[in-house]
Amino acid sequence: MPRPTAAQLAYGSCTVILSTLAMLLLSQTSSGVGIAIIAVAALALGLLVAMTVPLPGKRPAAVEQPAPEEPVRASVAAPAPEPVRERAVS
């Protein structure tokens, strides 16, 4: 298993800290069991986020499409110039 990158560690740690804080504030729990459940859920969420951060250098190969044999040239006629309209000074 490859070692985690700095980005994975940063994203995972921030996710654990912020999600724990948010869940504790939103649930307003004070029991030990509730805090333990929130801590385990935050750790699982942080692990999920850290593992989904893309690794550098492992990009999917682009699918190359063959070029057409002869380039297609479209001819578009330029629009006729519109006559300039002058305003009458009054």
C-alpha atoms as a PDB file:
ATOM      1  CA  MET A   1       0.000   0.000   0.000  1.00  0.00           C
ATOM      2  CA  PRO A   2       1.486   3.378  -0.971  1.00  0.00           C
ATOM      3  CA  ARG A   3       2.163   6.012   1.648  1.00  0.00           C
ATOM      4  CA  PRO A   4      -0.376   8.844   1.950  1.00  0.00           C
ATOM      5  CA  THR A   5       0.567  12.165   0.386  1.00  0.00           C
ATOM      6  CA  ALA A   6       0.572  15.493   2.192  1.00  0.00           C
ATOM      7  CA  ALA A   7      -2.692  16.446   0.515  1.00  0.00           C
ATOM      8  CA  GLN A   8      -4.359  13.245   1.694  1.00  0.00           C
ATOM      9  CA  LEU A   9      -3.186  13.823   5.259  1.00  0.00           C
ATOM     10  CA  ALA A  10      -4.316  17.445   5.226  1.00  0.00           C
ATOM     11  CA  TYR A  11      -7.752  16.746   3.743  1.00  0.00           C
ATOM     12  CA  GLY A  12      -8.347  13.777   6.034  1.00  0.00           C
ATOM     13  CA  SER A  13      -7.267  15.630   9.177  1.00  0.00           C
ATOM     14  CA  CYS A  14      -9.346  18.696   8.378  1.00  0.00           C
ATOM     15  CA  THR A  15     -12.348  16.510   7.658  1.00  0.00           C
ATOM     16  CA  VAL A  16     -12.027  14.674  10.970  1.00  0.00           C
ATOM     17  CA  ILE A  17     -11.660  17.871  12.996  1.00  0.00           C
ATOM     18  CA  LEU A  18     -14.395  19.855  11.263  1.00  0.00           C
ATOM     19  CA  SER A  19     -16.906  17.004  11.050  1.00  0.00           C
ATOM     20  CA  THR A  20     -16.378  16.102  14.726  1.00  0.00           C
ATOM     21  CA  LEU A  21     -16.916  19.703  15.740  1.00  0.00           C
ATOM     22  CA  ALA A  22     -20.010  20.066  13.554  1.00  0.00           C
ATOM     23  CA  MET A  23     -21.593  16.810  14.713  1.00  0.00           C
ATOM     24  CA  LEU A  24     -20.945  17.586  18.378  1.00  0.00           C
ATOM     25  CA  LEU A  25     -22.445  21.059  18.037  1.00  0.00           C
ATOM     26  CA  LEU A  26     -25.455  19.864  16.078  1.00  0.00           C
ATOM     27  CA  SER A  27     -26.245  16.819  18.224  1.00  0.00           C
ATOM     28  CA  GLN A  28     -25.595  18.573  21.564  1.00  0.00           C
ATOM     29  CA  THR A  29     -24.777  15.212  23.104  1.00  0.00           C
ATOM     30  CA  SER A  30     -23.109  14.966  26.471  1.00  0.00           C
ATOM     31  CA  SER A  31     -23.020  11.193  26.959  1.00  0.00           C
ATOM     32  CA  GLY A  32     -19.823   9.248  26.499  1.00  0.00           C
ATOM     33  CA  VAL A  33     -21.461   6.798  24.105  1.00  0.00           C
ATOM     34  CA  GLY A  34     -22.730   9.621  21.861  1.00  0.00           C
ATOM     35  CA  ILE A  35     -19.325  11.276  21.753  1.00  0.00           C
ATOM     36  CA  ALA A  36     -17.656   7.934  20.928  1.00  0.00           C
ATOM     37  CA  ILE A  37     -20.097   7.294  18.070  1.00  0.00           C
ATOM     38  CA  ILE A  38     -19.478  10.781  16.680  1.00  0.00           C
ATOM     39  CA  ALA A  39     -15.703  10.322  16.941  1.00  0.00           C
ATOM     40  CA  VAL A  40     -15.824   6.984  15.080  1.00  0.00           C
ATOM     41  CA  ALA A  41     -18.087   8.461  12.382  1.00  0.00           C
ATOM     42  CA  ALA A  42     -15.729  11.431  11.944  1.00  0.00           C
ATOM     43  CA  LEU A  43     -12.711   9.142  11.653  1.00  0.00           C
ATOM     44  CA  ALA A  44     -14.489   7.032   9.035  1.00  0.00           C
ATOM     45  CA  LEU A  45     -15.454  10.157   7.098  1.00  0.00           C
ATOM     46  CA  GLY A  46     -11.878  11.482   7.275  1.00  0.00           C
ATOM     47  CA  LEU A  47     -10.530   8.165   6.015  1.00  0.00           C
ATOM     48  CA  LEU A  48     -13.012   8.180   3.148  1.00  0.00           C
ATOM     49  CA  VAL A  49     -12.039  11.719   2.145  1.00  0.00           C
ATOM     50  CA  ALA A  50      -8.319  10.958   2.385  1.00  0.00           C
ATOM     51  CA  MET A  51      -8.621   7.871   0.201  1.00  0.00           C
ATOM     52  CA  THR A  52     -10.628   9.648  -2.504  1.00  0.00           C
ATOM     53  CA  VAL A  53      -8.073  12.438  -3.016  1.00  0.00           C
ATOM     54  CA  PRO A  54      -6.474  11.716  -6.401  1.00  0.00           C
ATOM     55  CA  LEU A  55      -2.888  10.532  -6.306  1.00  0.00           C
ATOM     56  CA  PRO A  56      -0.334  12.518  -8.315  1.00  0.00           C
ATOM     57  CA  GLY A  57       0.901  10.882 -11.492  1.00  0.00           C
ATOM     58  CA  LYS A  58      -1.934   8.375 -11.767  1.00  0.00           C
ATOM     59  CA  ARG A  59      -4.135  10.059 -14.315  1.00  0.00           C
ATOM     60  CA  PRO A  60      -6.304   7.982 -16.582  1.00  0.00           C
ATOM     61  CA  ALA A  61      -4.976   7.776 -20.117  1.00  0.00           C
ATOM     62  CA  ALA A  62      -6.800   9.972 -22.567  1.00  0.00           C
ATOM     63  CA  VAL A  63      -8.600   8.140 -25.310  1.00  0.00           C
ATOM     64  CA  GLU A  64      -7.142   9.204 -28.611  1.00  0.00           C
ATOM     65  CA  GLN A  65      -9.503   9.509 -31.517  1.00  0.00           C
ATOM     66  CA  PRO A  66      -8.121   9.092 -35.013  1.00  0.00           C
ATOM     67  CA  ALA A  67      -7.973  12.259 -37.060  1.00  0.00           C
ATOM     68  CA  PRO A  68     -10.234  12.455 -40.097  1.00  0.00           C
ATOM     69  CA  GLU A  69      -8.542  11.524 -43.359  1.00  0.00           C
ATOM     70  CA  GLU A  70      -9.349  14.811 -45.072  1.00  0.00           C
ATOM     71  CA  PRO A  71     -10.119  18.012 -43.236  1.00  0.00           C
ATOM     72  CA  VAL A  72     -13.624  19.266 -43.788  1.00  0.00           C
ATOM     73  CA  ARG A  73     -13.735  22.885 -44.861  1.00  0.00           C
ATOM     74  CA  ALA A  74     -16.901  24.830 -44.464  1.00  0.00           C
ATOM     75  CA  SER A  75     -17.335  27.968 -46.476  1.00  0.00           C
ATOM     76  CA  VAL A  76     -19.375  30.635 -44.804  1.00  0.00           C
ATOM     77  CA  ALA A  77     -20.307  33.719 -46.760  1.00  0.00           C
ATOM     78  CA  ALA A  78     -19.650  36.982 -45.004  1.00  0.00           C
ATOM     79  CA  PRO A  79     -22.800  38.980 -44.299  1.00  0.00           C
ATOM     80  CA  ALA A  80     -23.428  41.952 -46.530  1.00  0.00           C
ATOM     81  CA  PRO A  81     -22.424  45.219 -44.896  1.00  0.00           C
ATOM     82  CA  GLU A  82     -25.357  47.199 -43.553  1.00  0.00           C
ATOM     83  CA  PRO A  83     -25.663  50.773 -44.810  1.00  0.00           C
ATOM     84  CA  VAL A  84     -24.807  53.446 -42.269  1.00  0.00           C
ATOM     85  CA  ARG A  85     -27.799  55.394 -41.119  1.00  0.00           C
ATOM     86  CA  GLU A  86     -27.248  58.999 -40.193  1.00  0.00           C
ATOM     87  CA  ARG A  87     -29.386  60.904 -37.776  1.00  0.00           C
ATOM     88  CA  ALA A  88     -30.935  64.135 -38.824  1.00  0.00           C
ATOM     89  CA  VAL A  89     -29.894  67.007 -36.605  1.00  0.00           C
ATOM     90  CA  SER A  90     -32.905  68.904 -35.387  1.00  0.00           C
END
